[in-house]
């Protein structure tokens, strides 16, 4: 029968698992880091999972699908509840973690570092696409947590660049629109993206990709990933 049902765009899914928690029928599961609809019969097509997805990877479509089976869902959920209750899924970006750094007080010296910030404001949603400092600039687009995780961000990443920061999970804006305007209005030389090693942070990389495509410009770009304990991960 043809009916409304969930469709997951695997290429957009960042594996945060929020949709899995939002589905009251247990129709979605994380498999190999991606959300998967495990059975048409479990999905009622109402889309409770849609508003929870931070990267717009879910939509409701109409296609031939097995009929929603309420009894089958109730049986499945009852079996789940009888089983040993697993720990609830926690997005890696929310996981509580204590980070300990080993330092030797005999060799540790206090070094005065100079700020490499070249403009204000720095928030993506606050900057003007027509600001004069963008013309001819090398741009750093950084997830805001990177400045706290990576100690030498000023010298290693910000030096000689215009710095823009944001959080794709907490800011309710589409960064790609502002970034597209910046690229279209200015002769930008390169873009470096710095993100954290958590799934939701992929949104800042996707925003830059979208902006590059929408601007129609071939600009050198790349990204680096910072772990929560402050190391740059090879990608």
C-alpha atoms as a PDB file:
ATOM      1  CA  UNK A   1       0.000   0.000   0.000  1.00  0.00           C
ATOM      2  CA  UNK A   2       1.121   3.592  -0.605  1.00  0.00           C
ATOM      3  CA  UNK A   3       1.400   5.665   2.572  1.00  0.00           C
ATOM      4  CA  UNK A   4       3.493   8.265   4.365  1.00  0.00           C
ATOM      5  CA  UNK A   5       6.682   6.953   5.947  1.00  0.00           C
ATOM      6  CA  UNK A   6      10.062   8.130   7.212  1.00  0.00           C
ATOM      7  CA  UNK A   7      13.022   8.441   4.852  1.00  0.00           C
ATOM      8  CA  UNK A   8      16.557   8.901   6.225  1.00  0.00           C
ATOM      9  CA  UNK A   9      19.228  10.565   4.099  1.00  0.00           C
ATOM     10  CA  UNK A  10      22.292   8.566   5.100  1.00  0.00           C
ATOM     11  CA  UNK A  11      24.701  11.101   3.587  1.00  0.00           C
ATOM     12  CA  UNK A  12      23.416  13.793   5.960  1.00  0.00           C
ATOM     13  CA  UNK A  13      23.023  11.650   9.108  1.00  0.00           C
ATOM     14  CA  UNK A  14      25.712  12.379  11.702  1.00  0.00           C
ATOM     15  CA  UNK A  15      24.855   9.491  14.026  1.00  0.00           C
ATOM     16  CA  UNK A  16      23.774  11.646  16.981  1.00  0.00           C
ATOM     17  CA  UNK A  17      20.924   9.226  17.800  1.00  0.00           C
ATOM     18  CA  UNK A  18      18.386  11.873  18.818  1.00  0.00           C
ATOM     19  CA  UNK A  19      15.839  10.504  16.352  1.00  0.00           C
ATOM     20  CA  UNK A  20      16.167   7.027  17.871  1.00  0.00           C
ATOM     21  CA  UNK A  21      15.152   8.383  21.271  1.00  0.00           C
ATOM     22  CA  UNK A  22      12.302  10.408  19.740  1.00  0.00           C
ATOM     23  CA  UNK A  23      10.676   7.439  17.948  1.00  0.00           C
ATOM     24  CA  UNK A  24       8.050   5.997  20.301  1.00  0.00           C
ATOM     25  CA  UNK A  25       7.544   2.932  18.104  1.00  0.00           C
ATOM     26  CA  UNK A  26      11.194   1.822  18.112  1.00  0.00           C
ATOM     27  CA  UNK A  27      11.308   2.012  14.321  1.00  0.00           C
ATOM     28  CA  UNK A  28      14.772   3.567  14.208  1.00  0.00           C
ATOM     29  CA  UNK A  29      18.109   2.194  15.318  1.00  0.00           C
ATOM     30  CA  UNK A  30      21.737   3.274  14.982  1.00  0.00           C
ATOM     31  CA  UNK A  31      23.619   0.838  12.759  1.00  0.00           C
ATOM     32  CA  UNK A  32      27.269   1.494  11.860  1.00  0.00           C
ATOM     33  CA  UNK A  33      26.915   5.077  13.067  1.00  0.00           C
ATOM     34  CA  UNK A  34      23.818   5.881  10.978  1.00  0.00           C
ATOM     35  CA  UNK A  35      20.101   5.978  11.781  1.00  0.00           C
ATOM     36  CA  UNK A  36      18.197   3.193  10.009  1.00  0.00           C
ATOM     37  CA  UNK A  37      14.484   2.439   9.627  1.00  0.00           C
ATOM     38  CA  UNK A  38      14.467  -1.233  10.617  1.00  0.00           C
ATOM     39  CA  UNK A  39      10.931  -2.068   9.467  1.00  0.00           C
ATOM     40  CA  UNK A  40       8.160  -0.258   7.584  1.00  0.00           C
ATOM     41  CA  UNK A  41       5.649  -1.927   9.915  1.00  0.00           C
ATOM     42  CA  UNK A  42       7.065  -0.065  12.929  1.00  0.00           C
ATOM     43  CA  UNK A  43       6.823   3.451  11.405  1.00  0.00           C
ATOM     44  CA  UNK A  44       3.494   5.282  11.779  1.00  0.00           C
ATOM     45  CA  UNK A  45       4.630   8.088   9.447  1.00  0.00           C
ATOM     46  CA  UNK A  46       3.749  10.851  11.924  1.00  0.00           C
ATOM     47  CA  UNK A  47       7.340  12.095  12.110  1.00  0.00           C
ATOM     48  CA  UNK A  48       8.016  12.612  15.813  1.00  0.00           C
ATOM     49  CA  UNK A  49      11.675  12.115  14.923  1.00  0.00           C
ATOM     50  CA  UNK A  50      11.859  15.005  12.407  1.00  0.00           C
ATOM     51  CA  UNK A  51      12.215  17.984  14.772  1.00  0.00           C
ATOM     52  CA  UNK A  52      14.937  16.204  16.755  1.00  0.00           C
ATOM     53  CA  UNK A  53      17.339  15.849  13.804  1.00  0.00           C
ATOM     54  CA  UNK A  54      19.958  18.655  13.924  1.00  0.00           C
ATOM     55  CA  UNK A  55      21.125  18.107  10.327  1.00  0.00           C
ATOM     56  CA  UNK A  56      17.780  17.773   8.492  1.00  0.00           C
ATOM     57  CA  UNK A  57      18.507  14.160   7.520  1.00  0.00           C
ATOM     58  CA  UNK A  58      14.906  12.917   7.898  1.00  0.00           C
ATOM     59  CA  UNK A  59      11.805  13.607   5.851  1.00  0.00           C
ATOM     60  CA  UNK A  60       8.342  12.130   5.430  1.00  0.00           C
ATOM     61  CA  UNK A  61       7.707  10.759   1.949  1.00  0.00           C
ATOM     62  CA  UNK A  62       4.904   8.788   0.330  1.00  0.00           C
ATOM     63  CA  UNK A  63       5.805   5.375  -1.090  1.00  0.00           C
ATOM     64  CA  UNK A  64       4.716   1.755  -1.230  1.00  0.00           C
ATOM     65  CA  UNK A  65       5.261   0.357   2.265  1.00  0.00           C
ATOM     66  CA  UNK A  66       3.974  -2.299   4.603  1.00  0.00           C
ATOM     67  CA  UNK A  67       1.028  -1.171   6.691  1.00  0.00           C
ATOM     68  CA  UNK A  68       1.806   0.213  10.133  1.00  0.00           C
ATOM     69  CA  UNK A  69       1.204  -2.637  12.600  1.00  0.00           C
ATOM     70  CA  UNK A  70       0.304  -1.276  16.024  1.00  0.00           C
ATOM     71  CA  UNK A  71       0.068  -4.732  17.591  1.00  0.00           C
ATOM     72  CA  UNK A  72       3.493  -5.685  16.270  1.00  0.00           C
ATOM     73  CA  UNK A  73       4.943  -2.469  17.686  1.00  0.00           C
ATOM     74  CA  UNK A  74       3.359  -3.078  21.104  1.00  0.00           C
ATOM     75  CA  UNK A  75       4.748  -6.599  21.154  1.00  0.00           C
ATOM     76  CA  UNK A  76       8.213  -5.364  20.189  1.00  0.00           C
ATOM     77  CA  UNK A  77       8.204  -2.629  22.839  1.00  0.00           C
ATOM     78  CA  UNK A  78       6.950  -5.064  25.496  1.00  0.00           C
ATOM     79  CA  UNK A  79       9.825  -7.438  24.688  1.00  0.00           C
ATOM     80  CA  UNK A  80      12.231  -4.535  24.928  1.00  0.00           C
ATOM     81  CA  UNK A  81      10.940  -3.583  28.351  1.00  0.00           C
ATOM     82  CA  UNK A  82      11.281  -7.153  29.620  1.00  0.00           C
ATOM     83  CA  UNK A  83      14.903  -7.255  28.615  1.00  0.00           C
ATOM     84  CA  UNK A  84      17.642  -5.778  30.775  1.00  0.00           C
ATOM     85  CA  UNK A  85      17.253  -2.056  30.424  1.00  0.00           C
ATOM     86  CA  UNK A  86      20.242  -0.711  28.486  1.00  0.00           C
ATOM     87  CA  UNK A  87      21.917   2.556  29.272  1.00  0.00           C
ATOM     88  CA  UNK A  88      20.140   5.324  27.349  1.00  0.00           C
ATOM     89  CA  UNK A  89      21.944   6.538  24.269  1.00  0.00           C
ATOM     90  CA  UNK A  90      23.932   9.670  24.908  1.00  0.00           C
ATOM     91  CA  UNK A  91      25.201  11.747  22.029  1.00  0.00           C
ATOM     92  CA  UNK A  92      29.037  11.859  22.188  1.00  0.00           C
ATOM     93  CA  UNK A  93      28.793  15.622  22.411  1.00  0.00           C
ATOM     94  CA  UNK A  94      26.806  15.285  25.679  1.00  0.00           C
ATOM     95  CA  UNK A  95      28.824  12.570  27.383  1.00  0.00           C
ATOM     96  CA  UNK A  96      30.280  13.589  30.738  1.00  0.00           C
ATOM     97  CA  UNK A  97      34.028  13.144  30.750  1.00  0.00           C
ATOM     98  CA  UNK A  98      36.867  14.240  33.001  1.00  0.00           C
ATOM     99  CA  UNK A  99      40.072  15.109  31.165  1.00  0.00           C
ATOM    100  CA  UNK A 100      43.364  14.905  33.013  1.00  0.00           C
ATOM    101  CA  UNK A 101      46.604  16.344  31.666  1.00  0.00           C
ATOM    102  CA  UNK A 102      49.966  15.277  33.054  1.00  0.00           C
ATOM    103  CA  UNK A 103      52.296  18.209  33.642  1.00  0.00           C
ATOM    104  CA  UNK A 104      55.758  18.448  35.130  1.00  0.00           C
ATOM    105  CA  UNK A 105      56.016  21.593  37.284  1.00  0.00           C
ATOM    106  CA  UNK A 106      59.811  21.563  36.968  1.00  0.00           C
ATOM    107  CA  UNK A 107      59.707  21.954  33.186  1.00  0.00           C
ATOM    108  CA  UNK A 108      56.480  23.917  32.772  1.00  0.00           C
ATOM    109  CA  UNK A 109      57.117  27.569  32.023  1.00  0.00           C
ATOM    110  CA  UNK A 110      54.597  30.381  31.828  1.00  0.00           C
ATOM    111  CA  UNK A 111      54.608  31.710  28.273  1.00  0.00           C
ATOM    112  CA  UNK A 112      52.822  34.926  27.315  1.00  0.00           C
ATOM    113  CA  UNK A 113      50.976  34.359  24.030  1.00  0.00           C
ATOM    114  CA  UNK A 114      49.665  37.155  21.848  1.00  0.00           C
ATOM    115  CA  UNK A 115      46.130  37.091  20.503  1.00  0.00           C
ATOM    116  CA  UNK A 116      45.904  36.458  16.768  1.00  0.00           C
ATOM    117  CA  UNK A 117      42.282  37.609  16.476  1.00  0.00           C
ATOM    118  CA  UNK A 118      42.103  40.096  13.594  1.00  0.00           C
ATOM    119  CA  UNK A 119      38.469  41.261  13.644  1.00  0.00           C
ATOM    120  CA  UNK A 120      35.263  41.613  15.621  1.00  0.00           C
ATOM    121  CA  UNK A 121      32.625  40.188  15.850  1.00  0.00           C
ATOM    122  CA  UNK A 122      33.615  36.547  15.475  1.00  0.00           C
ATOM    123  CA  UNK A 123      30.232  34.785  15.631  1.00  0.00           C
ATOM    124  CA  UNK A 124      29.118  33.662  12.159  1.00  0.00           C
ATOM    125  CA  UNK A 125      25.578  34.892  12.773  1.00  0.00           C
ATOM    126  CA  UNK A 126      26.809  38.386  13.761  1.00  0.00           C
ATOM    127  CA  UNK A 127      29.394  39.248  11.084  1.00  0.00           C
ATOM    128  CA  UNK A 128      28.509  41.333   8.041  1.00  0.00           C
ATOM    129  CA  UNK A 129      29.164  39.663   4.651  1.00  0.00           C
ATOM    130  CA  UNK A 130      30.303  43.082   3.400  1.00  0.00           C
ATOM    131  CA  UNK A 131      32.902  43.684   6.114  1.00  0.00           C
ATOM    132  CA  UNK A 132      36.116  44.947   4.458  1.00  0.00           C
ATOM    133  CA  UNK A 133      38.353  42.422   6.218  1.00  0.00           C
ATOM    134  CA  UNK A 134      36.874  39.526   4.186  1.00  0.00           C
ATOM    135  CA  UNK A 135      38.258  40.743   0.847  1.00  0.00           C
ATOM    136  CA  UNK A 136      41.479  38.854   0.087  1.00  0.00           C
ATOM    137  CA  UNK A 137      41.213  36.954   3.383  1.00  0.00           C
ATOM    138  CA  UNK A 138      42.112  33.452   4.440  1.00  0.00           C
ATOM    139  CA  UNK A 139      39.216  32.390   6.668  1.00  0.00           C
ATOM    140  CA  UNK A 140      39.093  30.040   9.657  1.00  0.00           C
ATOM    141  CA  UNK A 141      35.607  28.660  10.387  1.00  0.00           C
ATOM    142  CA  UNK A 142      35.811  27.043  13.812  1.00  0.00           C
ATOM    143  CA  UNK A 143      33.384  25.274  16.106  1.00  0.00           C
ATOM    144  CA  UNK A 144      33.409  27.407  19.241  1.00  0.00           C
ATOM    145  CA  UNK A 145      34.492  24.538  21.540  1.00  0.00           C
ATOM    146  CA  UNK A 146      37.767  24.159  19.627  1.00  0.00           C
ATOM    147  CA  UNK A 147      39.150  27.304  21.252  1.00  0.00           C
ATOM    148  CA  UNK A 148      38.816  25.672  24.672  1.00  0.00           C
ATOM    149  CA  UNK A 149      39.949  22.189  23.681  1.00  0.00           C
ATOM    150  CA  UNK A 150      43.011  23.112  21.610  1.00  0.00           C
ATOM    151  CA  UNK A 151      45.499  25.182  23.606  1.00  0.00           C
ATOM    152  CA  UNK A 152      47.525  26.621  20.734  1.00  0.00           C
ATOM    153  CA  UNK A 153      44.638  27.597  18.456  1.00  0.00           C
ATOM    154  CA  UNK A 154      45.842  31.194  18.061  1.00  0.00           C
ATOM    155  CA  UNK A 155      49.283  30.331  16.688  1.00  0.00           C
ATOM    156  CA  UNK A 156      48.389  27.127  14.827  1.00  0.00           C
ATOM    157  CA  UNK A 157      45.067  28.077  13.244  1.00  0.00           C
ATOM    158  CA  UNK A 158      44.028  31.720  13.760  1.00  0.00           C
ATOM    159  CA  UNK A 159      47.298  33.424  12.816  1.00  0.00           C
ATOM    160  CA  UNK A 160      46.943  35.307   9.536  1.00  0.00           C
ATOM    161  CA  UNK A 161      43.250  34.407   9.167  1.00  0.00           C
ATOM    162  CA  UNK A 162      39.851  35.964   9.732  1.00  0.00           C
ATOM    163  CA  UNK A 163      38.189  33.833  12.404  1.00  0.00           C
ATOM    164  CA  UNK A 164      34.502  32.885  12.406  1.00  0.00           C
ATOM    165  CA  UNK A 165      32.990  30.689  15.105  1.00  0.00           C
ATOM    166  CA  UNK A 166      29.686  28.954  15.765  1.00  0.00           C
ATOM    167  CA  UNK A 167      27.961  25.863  17.128  1.00  0.00           C
ATOM    168  CA  UNK A 168      25.722  24.051  14.620  1.00  0.00           C
ATOM    169  CA  UNK A 169      23.898  22.274  17.436  1.00  0.00           C
ATOM    170  CA  UNK A 170      23.051  25.286  19.591  1.00  0.00           C
ATOM    171  CA  UNK A 171      22.659  28.104  17.049  1.00  0.00           C
ATOM    172  CA  UNK A 172      19.250  27.985  15.386  1.00  0.00           C
ATOM    173  CA  UNK A 173      20.532  29.396  12.090  1.00  0.00           C
ATOM    174  CA  UNK A 174      21.664  28.122   8.706  1.00  0.00           C
ATOM    175  CA  UNK A 175      25.348  29.080   8.554  1.00  0.00           C
ATOM    176  CA  UNK A 176      25.558  28.264   4.842  1.00  0.00           C
ATOM    177  CA  UNK A 177      23.475  31.337   3.927  1.00  0.00           C
ATOM    178  CA  UNK A 178      25.827  33.799   5.656  1.00  0.00           C
ATOM    179  CA  UNK A 179      28.935  31.958   4.420  1.00  0.00           C
ATOM    180  CA  UNK A 180      27.580  31.946   0.851  1.00  0.00           C
ATOM    181  CA  UNK A 181      27.090  35.711   1.005  1.00  0.00           C
ATOM    182  CA  UNK A 182      30.639  36.195   2.313  1.00  0.00           C
ATOM    183  CA  UNK A 183      32.087  34.122  -0.528  1.00  0.00           C
ATOM    184  CA  UNK A 184      29.989  35.806  -3.211  1.00  0.00           C
ATOM    185  CA  UNK A 185      30.772  39.336  -2.018  1.00  0.00           C
ATOM    186  CA  UNK A 186      34.507  38.928  -1.482  1.00  0.00           C
ATOM    187  CA  UNK A 187      37.675  37.550  -3.013  1.00  0.00           C
ATOM    188  CA  UNK A 188      38.288  34.922  -0.321  1.00  0.00           C
ATOM    189  CA  UNK A 189      41.604  33.098  -0.767  1.00  0.00           C
ATOM    190  CA  UNK A 190      41.010  29.946   1.320  1.00  0.00           C
ATOM    191  CA  UNK A 191      38.863  28.412   4.040  1.00  0.00           C
ATOM    192  CA  UNK A 192      40.030  26.215   6.906  1.00  0.00           C
ATOM    193  CA  UNK A 193      37.396  24.480   9.033  1.00  0.00           C
ATOM    194  CA  UNK A 194      38.182  23.394  12.596  1.00  0.00           C
ATOM    195  CA  UNK A 195      35.622  21.076  14.224  1.00  0.00           C
ATOM    196  CA  UNK A 196      35.370  18.929  17.321  1.00  0.00           C
ATOM    197  CA  UNK A 197      35.388  15.132  17.223  1.00  0.00           C
ATOM    198  CA  UNK A 198      31.655  14.833  18.004  1.00  0.00           C
ATOM    199  CA  UNK A 199      28.946  13.922  15.440  1.00  0.00           C
ATOM    200  CA  UNK A 200      26.902  17.118  15.646  1.00  0.00           C
ATOM    201  CA  UNK A 201      29.996  19.188  14.792  1.00  0.00           C
ATOM    202  CA  UNK A 202      29.915  17.844  11.240  1.00  0.00           C
ATOM    203  CA  UNK A 203      27.236  20.477  10.621  1.00  0.00           C
ATOM    204  CA  UNK A 204      29.845  23.239  10.455  1.00  0.00           C
ATOM    205  CA  UNK A 205      31.764  21.337   7.756  1.00  0.00           C
ATOM    206  CA  UNK A 206      28.546  20.734   5.805  1.00  0.00           C
ATOM    207  CA  UNK A 207      27.691  24.439   5.993  1.00  0.00           C
ATOM    208  CA  UNK A 208      31.025  25.376   4.399  1.00  0.00           C
ATOM    209  CA  UNK A 209      30.580  22.730   1.676  1.00  0.00           C
ATOM    210  CA  UNK A 210      27.102  24.054   0.895  1.00  0.00           C
ATOM    211  CA  UNK A 211      28.362  27.650   0.805  1.00  0.00           C
ATOM    212  CA  UNK A 212      31.141  26.754  -1.612  1.00  0.00           C
ATOM    213  CA  UNK A 213      28.667  25.030  -3.932  1.00  0.00           C
ATOM    214  CA  UNK A 214      26.150  27.878  -3.733  1.00  0.00           C
ATOM    215  CA  UNK A 215      28.780  30.547  -4.336  1.00  0.00           C
ATOM    216  CA  UNK A 216      29.978  28.841  -7.514  1.00  0.00           C
ATOM    217  CA  UNK A 217      33.587  29.614  -6.602  1.00  0.00           C
ATOM    218  CA  UNK A 218      36.518  27.192  -6.581  1.00  0.00           C
ATOM    219  CA  UNK A 219      38.281  28.128  -3.341  1.00  0.00           C
ATOM    220  CA  UNK A 220      40.909  25.971  -1.600  1.00  0.00           C
ATOM    221  CA  UNK A 221      39.493  24.549   1.610  1.00  0.00           C
ATOM    222  CA  UNK A 222      40.019  21.766   4.135  1.00  0.00           C
ATOM    223  CA  UNK A 223      39.180  20.792   7.681  1.00  0.00           C
ATOM    224  CA  UNK A 224      40.876  19.564  10.837  1.00  0.00           C
ATOM    225  CA  UNK A 225      39.337  17.683  13.762  1.00  0.00           C
ATOM    226  CA  UNK A 226      40.124  18.326  17.433  1.00  0.00           C
ATOM    227  CA  UNK A 227      39.556  15.607  20.046  1.00  0.00           C
ATOM    228  CA  UNK A 228      37.923  16.439  23.366  1.00  0.00           C
ATOM    229  CA  UNK A 229      41.288  15.992  25.089  1.00  0.00           C
ATOM    230  CA  UNK A 230      42.856  18.674  22.909  1.00  0.00           C
ATOM    231  CA  UNK A 231      44.665  16.785  20.136  1.00  0.00           C
ATOM    232  CA  UNK A 232      44.431  17.367  16.392  1.00  0.00           C
ATOM    233  CA  UNK A 233      43.252  14.165  14.730  1.00  0.00           C
ATOM    234  CA  UNK A 234      44.474  13.263  11.281  1.00  0.00           C
ATOM    235  CA  UNK A 235      41.508  13.071   8.905  1.00  0.00           C
END
